[in-house]
Protein backbone atom coordinates (compact mmCIF):
# COMPACT_ATOMS: atom_id res chain seq x y z
CA MET A 1 93.59 73.77 119.82
CA ASN A 2 90.36 74.12 118.07
CA TYR A 3 90.24 74.30 114.35
CA PRO A 4 87.55 75.72 112.45
CA PHE A 5 86.78 73.15 110.17
CA LYS A 6 83.71 74.54 108.52
CA LEU A 7 85.94 77.52 107.29
CA LEU A 8 89.07 76.02 106.42
CA GLU A 9 86.78 73.61 104.34
CA GLU A 10 85.85 76.86 102.36
CA LEU A 11 89.65 77.60 101.63
CA ARG A 12 91.11 77.41 98.14
CA PRO A 13 94.57 77.47 96.50
CA GLY A 14 95.71 80.99 96.48
CA MET A 15 93.52 82.42 98.90
CA VAL A 16 94.74 85.35 101.46
CA THR A 17 93.70 83.90 104.82
CA LEU A 18 93.24 86.10 107.74
CA VAL A 19 93.98 84.43 111.12
CA GLY A 20 94.28 85.78 114.72
CA ILE A 21 97.16 84.36 117.09
CA PRO A 22 95.96 85.78 120.62
CA PHE A 23 99.24 85.22 122.51
CA ASP A 24 101.65 87.40 124.57
CA LYS A 25 103.23 85.02 126.87
CA ASN A 26 106.77 85.85 125.45
CA SER A 27 105.84 89.63 126.05
CA SER A 28 108.90 91.08 128.02
CA PHE A 29 107.53 94.57 129.37
CA LEU A 30 103.35 94.29 129.48
CA LYS A 31 100.98 91.87 128.41
CA GLY A 32 97.93 92.71 126.66
CA THR A 33 98.83 92.14 122.77
CA ALA A 34 96.76 88.69 123.03
CA LEU A 35 93.37 90.72 123.15
CA ALA A 36 94.41 92.34 119.62
CA PRO A 37 93.16 90.17 116.86
CA PRO A 38 89.23 90.68 117.78
CA ILE A 39 89.57 94.02 118.52
CA ILE A 40 91.50 94.72 114.99
CA ARG A 41 88.75 92.67 113.58
CA ASN A 42 86.01 94.77 115.03
CA ALA A 43 87.80 98.17 113.42
CA LEU A 44 87.96 96.30 110.42
CA ASN A 45 84.31 95.74 110.31
CA SER A 46 83.63 99.26 111.66
CA GLY A 47 80.65 101.29 110.24
CA SER A 48 82.87 104.11 110.09
CA THR A 49 84.80 102.67 107.18
CA ASN A 50 84.77 99.99 104.48
CA LEU A 51 86.70 97.14 103.29
CA CYS A 52 88.02 98.64 100.27
CA THR A 53 91.80 98.92 99.92
CA GLU A 54 93.42 101.68 98.07
CA ASN A 55 94.67 99.76 95.14
CA GLY A 56 90.88 99.53 94.38
CA ILE A 57 89.85 95.77 95.86
CA ASP A 58 86.98 95.29 98.11
CA LEU A 59 87.56 92.92 100.78
CA ALA A 60 84.01 92.53 101.88
CA GLU A 61 83.24 91.08 98.04
CA ASP A 62 86.52 89.64 97.00
CA LYS A 63 86.46 85.57 97.08
CA ARG A 64 90.40 85.84 97.37
CA PHE A 65 90.01 87.00 100.89
CA LYS A 66 88.54 84.84 103.73
CA ASP A 67 88.63 85.42 107.48
CA ILE A 68 88.95 82.31 109.48
CA GLY A 69 88.98 83.67 112.97
CA ASP A 70 91.54 83.20 115.79
CA ILE A 71 93.48 80.14 116.86
CA ASP A 72 91.92 78.70 120.06
CA PHE A 73 94.83 77.44 122.26
CA LEU A 74 93.62 74.00 124.10
CA ASN A 75 97.40 73.49 125.01
CA LYS A 76 98.50 75.82 127.26
CA GLU A 77 102.14 74.80 127.55
CA ASN A 78 103.27 74.33 123.55
CA GLU A 79 101.73 77.33 122.20
CA LEU A 80 104.89 78.14 119.66
CA ASP A 81 104.58 74.35 118.52
CA SER A 82 100.77 74.62 117.93
CA ILE A 83 100.94 77.82 115.87
CA GLU A 84 103.63 76.14 113.72
CA GLN A 85 101.21 73.25 113.06
CA TYR A 86 98.26 75.51 112.51
CA ILE A 87 100.03 77.67 109.96
CA THR A 88 101.29 74.37 108.37
CA SER A 89 97.61 72.98 108.14
CA LEU A 90 96.91 76.22 106.25
CA LEU A 91 99.84 76.39 104.08
CA LYS A 92 99.15 72.97 102.91
CA ARG A 93 95.69 74.17 101.37
CA GLN A 94 98.10 76.41 99.35
CA VAL A 95 96.78 79.82 101.02
CA TYR A 96 98.62 82.78 102.04
CA VAL A 97 98.09 83.49 105.67
CA LEU A 98 98.02 86.90 107.28
CA SER A 99 98.29 87.05 110.63
CA LEU A 100 97.22 88.82 113.71
CA GLY A 101 99.33 88.87 116.85
CA GLY A 102 99.89 88.54 119.50
CA ASP A 103 103.25 89.58 120.58
CA HIS A 104 106.10 89.16 118.04
CA SER A 105 107.42 85.93 119.21
CA ILE A 106 104.54 84.35 116.85
CA SER A 107 106.64 85.33 113.77
CA TYR A 108 109.38 82.42 114.77
CA PRO A 109 106.72 79.49 114.64
CA ILE A 110 105.12 80.89 111.47
CA LEU A 111 108.44 80.94 109.65
CA ARG A 112 109.11 77.57 110.69
CA ALA A 113 105.81 76.49 109.16
CA TYR A 114 106.82 78.85 105.78
CA LYS A 115 109.96 77.12 105.51
CA ASN A 116 108.66 73.52 105.29
CA GLU A 117 106.58 74.92 102.27
CA TYR A 118 109.08 77.31 100.66
CA ASP A 119 112.54 76.68 99.56
CA THR A 120 113.44 80.45 99.71
CA VAL A 121 111.91 82.78 102.19
CA ASN A 122 112.93 86.29 102.31
CA ILE A 123 111.86 88.70 105.13
CA LEU A 124 111.05 92.30 105.15
CA HIS A 125 110.85 93.54 108.93
CA LEU A 126 109.07 96.85 109.94
CA ASP A 127 110.07 97.47 113.58
CA ALA A 128 111.51 99.84 116.09
CA HIS A 129 113.73 97.09 117.79
CA PRO A 130 115.80 94.39 115.77
CA ASP A 131 114.30 91.71 117.91
CA LEU A 132 117.96 89.97 117.51
CA TYR A 133 118.44 89.48 120.98
CA ASP A 134 119.67 85.65 121.86
CA GLU A 135 117.82 85.74 124.76
CA LEU A 136 116.14 88.67 127.09
CA ASP A 137 115.52 87.96 130.80
CA GLY A 138 116.44 83.90 130.24
CA ASN A 139 113.78 83.41 127.48
CA ARG A 140 115.44 82.33 124.04
CA TYR A 141 111.56 82.67 122.40
CA SER A 142 111.13 86.34 123.65
CA HIS A 143 109.38 88.92 121.62
CA ALA A 144 112.59 90.50 121.44
CA SER A 145 114.44 87.37 119.94
CA PRO A 146 112.33 85.86 117.40
CA PHE A 147 114.64 86.92 114.56
CA ALA A 148 117.62 85.57 116.24
CA ARG A 149 116.03 81.82 116.26
CA ILE A 150 114.79 82.75 112.38
CA MET A 151 118.36 83.31 111.19
CA GLU A 152 120.01 80.83 113.48
CA GLU A 153 117.89 78.00 111.72
CA ARG A 154 118.08 79.51 108.42
CA LEU A 155 114.39 79.87 108.06
CA SER A 156 115.32 83.00 105.92
CA THR A 157 117.85 83.60 103.07
CA ARG A 158 117.43 87.49 103.43
CA LEU A 159 116.33 89.61 106.16
CA VAL A 160 115.81 93.25 105.65
CA GLN A 161 114.91 95.72 108.83
CA VAL A 162 113.33 99.02 108.48
CA GLY A 163 112.55 101.62 111.17
CA ILE A 164 115.14 100.32 113.72
CA ARG A 165 115.86 102.89 116.44
CA THR A 166 116.80 101.10 119.54
CA MET A 167 119.77 98.68 118.40
CA ASN A 168 122.42 98.23 121.44
CA SER A 169 125.80 96.46 120.72
CA HIS A 170 124.70 93.07 121.55
CA GLN A 171 121.99 93.22 118.46
CA ARG A 172 124.52 94.94 115.91
CA LYS A 173 126.84 92.06 116.58
CA GLN A 174 123.93 89.75 116.03
CA ALA A 175 122.81 91.66 112.84
CA GLY A 176 126.78 91.25 111.60
CA ARG A 177 126.69 87.75 112.61
CA PHE A 178 123.58 86.99 110.54
CA GLY A 179 124.06 89.44 107.57
CA VAL A 180 120.76 91.24 108.36
CA GLU A 181 120.20 94.32 106.11
CA VAL A 182 119.31 97.34 108.45
CA ILE A 183 117.95 100.52 107.61
CA ASP A 184 117.57 102.60 110.75
CA MET A 185 115.87 105.47 111.49
CA LEU A 186 119.16 107.51 111.54
CA GLU A 187 119.56 106.54 107.89
CA TRP A 188 115.72 106.49 106.79
CA GLN A 189 114.49 108.59 103.68
CA TYR A 190 111.29 108.79 102.32
CA GLY A 191 110.80 107.03 99.38
CA VAL A 192 113.83 104.56 99.73
CA ASN A 193 113.95 101.98 97.26
CA ILE A 194 113.77 98.57 98.77
CA THR A 195 113.79 95.54 96.06
CA PHE A 196 113.54 91.85 96.51
CA ASN A 197 113.92 89.51 93.71
CA ALA A 198 112.17 86.43 95.08
CA PRO A 199 108.60 85.95 96.84
CA MET A 200 108.61 87.58 100.50
CA TYR A 201 107.19 87.60 103.89
CA LEU A 202 106.34 90.74 105.53
CA SER A 203 106.32 91.12 109.36
CA LEU A 204 104.96 94.55 110.36
CA ASP A 205 105.48 95.44 114.27
CA LEU A 206 103.24 98.39 114.98
CA ASP A 207 105.71 100.01 117.04
CA VAL A 208 107.66 100.72 113.82
CA LEU A 209 105.17 103.96 113.54
CA ASP A 210 105.97 106.90 115.88
CA PRO A 211 103.66 106.80 118.89
CA ALA A 212 101.86 109.72 117.61
CA PHE A 213 100.37 107.42 115.09
CA ALA A 214 99.97 104.33 116.94
CA PRO A 215 99.86 104.98 120.97
CA GLY A 216 98.50 101.45 121.47
CA VAL A 217 101.76 99.68 121.66
CA SER A 218 103.69 98.42 124.93
CA HIS A 219 107.01 100.00 123.89
CA HIS A 220 106.94 103.80 122.81
CA GLU A 221 109.90 104.85 120.73
CA PRO A 222 109.63 108.39 119.68
CA GLY A 223 111.10 109.10 116.12
CA GLY A 224 109.48 106.32 113.86
CA LEU A 225 107.71 106.36 110.54
CA SER A 226 104.26 107.86 109.77
CA THR A 227 101.29 105.91 108.87
CA ARG A 228 101.74 107.07 105.30
CA GLU A 229 105.28 105.97 104.96
CA VAL A 230 104.30 102.31 106.00
CA ILE A 231 101.51 102.01 103.63
CA LYS A 232 103.93 103.12 100.90
CA LEU A 233 106.35 100.59 101.82
CA ILE A 234 103.71 97.89 101.52
CA GLN A 235 102.42 99.60 98.09
CA ASP A 236 105.82 99.68 96.63
CA ILE A 237 106.44 95.80 97.23
CA ASP A 238 106.62 94.30 93.69
CA VAL A 239 107.08 90.56 94.38
CA PRO A 240 104.35 88.00 95.54
CA ILE A 241 103.82 88.43 99.38
CA ILE A 242 103.52 84.84 100.70
CA GLY A 243 102.86 85.84 104.42
CA ALA A 244 102.44 88.37 106.64
CA ASP A 245 102.11 89.41 110.26
CA ILE A 246 100.85 92.31 111.98
CA VAL A 247 101.63 92.19 115.69
CA GLU A 248 102.35 94.05 118.77
CA PHE A 249 99.21 96.26 119.10
CA ASN A 250 98.17 96.32 123.03
CA PRO A 251 94.92 97.47 123.28
CA LYS A 252 95.52 98.53 126.79
CA ARG A 253 97.34 101.39 125.87
CA ASP A 254 95.07 102.46 122.81
CA VAL A 255 93.48 105.96 122.57
CA PHE A 256 89.92 106.27 121.24
CA ASP A 257 90.66 102.90 119.15
CA MET A 258 93.57 104.78 117.02
CA THR A 259 95.89 102.16 116.91
CA ALA A 260 93.12 99.86 116.10
CA MET A 261 91.92 101.39 113.19
CA VAL A 262 95.65 101.80 111.84
CA ALA A 263 96.04 98.12 112.23
CA ALA A 264 92.81 97.52 110.56
CA LYS A 265 94.04 100.01 107.57
CA PHE A 266 97.37 97.85 107.48
CA VAL A 267 95.28 94.39 107.25
CA LYS A 268 93.40 96.01 103.95
CA GLU A 269 96.42 97.40 102.44
CA ILE A 270 98.52 94.22 102.85
CA GLY A 271 95.47 91.86 102.08
CA GLY A 272 95.04 93.81 98.83
CA LYS A 273 98.78 93.83 98.20
CA MET A 274 98.90 90.08 98.51
CA ILE A 275 95.76 89.53 96.48
CA GLU A 276 97.22 91.97 93.79
CA ASN A 277 100.47 90.36 93.65
CA ASN A 278 99.75 86.60 93.97
CA LEU A 279 97.66 85.87 90.96
CA ARG A 280 97.23 81.84 91.20
CA TYR A 281 93.65 81.97 92.54
CA ASP A 282 90.58 83.25 90.03
CA PRO A 283 87.69 84.29 92.11
CA GLU A 284 85.36 83.83 88.96
CA THR A 285 85.91 80.19 88.43
CA ALA A 286 86.47 79.00 92.24
CA GLU A 287 83.76 77.48 93.92
CA CYS A 288 83.28 78.63 97.51
């Protein structure tokens, strides 16, 4: 794996670091999410918009936000281990990592890295699917299984899932086994109050959205959240966000870059919220 050493040397404690993880080997239905990071980045820097967040932070100017590009996998056999090692190398620099997938299986190695650095990790997981299969099609590391691995290894002390609308009996048993708090779409109400009392990790699968808002995903599940509802969930987070991932954008299925722009919007709002809630880094005094 190639490390962008020059960019790594520019990182300072408390920065929000954007990194792409172009990996989709564990996708079960369609490949294509490995193509997503550079396309999201193009949308993020599109001349049709700007890098200002709704809370007033300009990510183009704010020194607390740093895009260090995509992981370049040299070892094609142990990518999950490489992801864990790379995220660990970033966390050692005391930064907060915002990852662009890739399929949802990347959350497992990322959370392994976080558990090594944080005693307590709470997770808010936004998704159409609970991703709690013990295995799918014989693959225990499927993008349908990351939260089974995460909870088995006690990488999280609390897992809250929002937007679920495909939970079968096996996954319901898994949710009960692991003590997962599930707010499925059958019970969803706009403005529901989700509270955390400790720093949290946010995992956002774009298929949590109704396909009308995000057609560029592999698994279309009608009846999901709106873009504004997801933004409100992000903006209502009132504890530090120690890390986040945005996953499962499949450019092969997108229409007029609609989903790419939605993903870029979420990058801005999550990045801005991470900066707003994590106050360790002072851009006025940092040397970059």
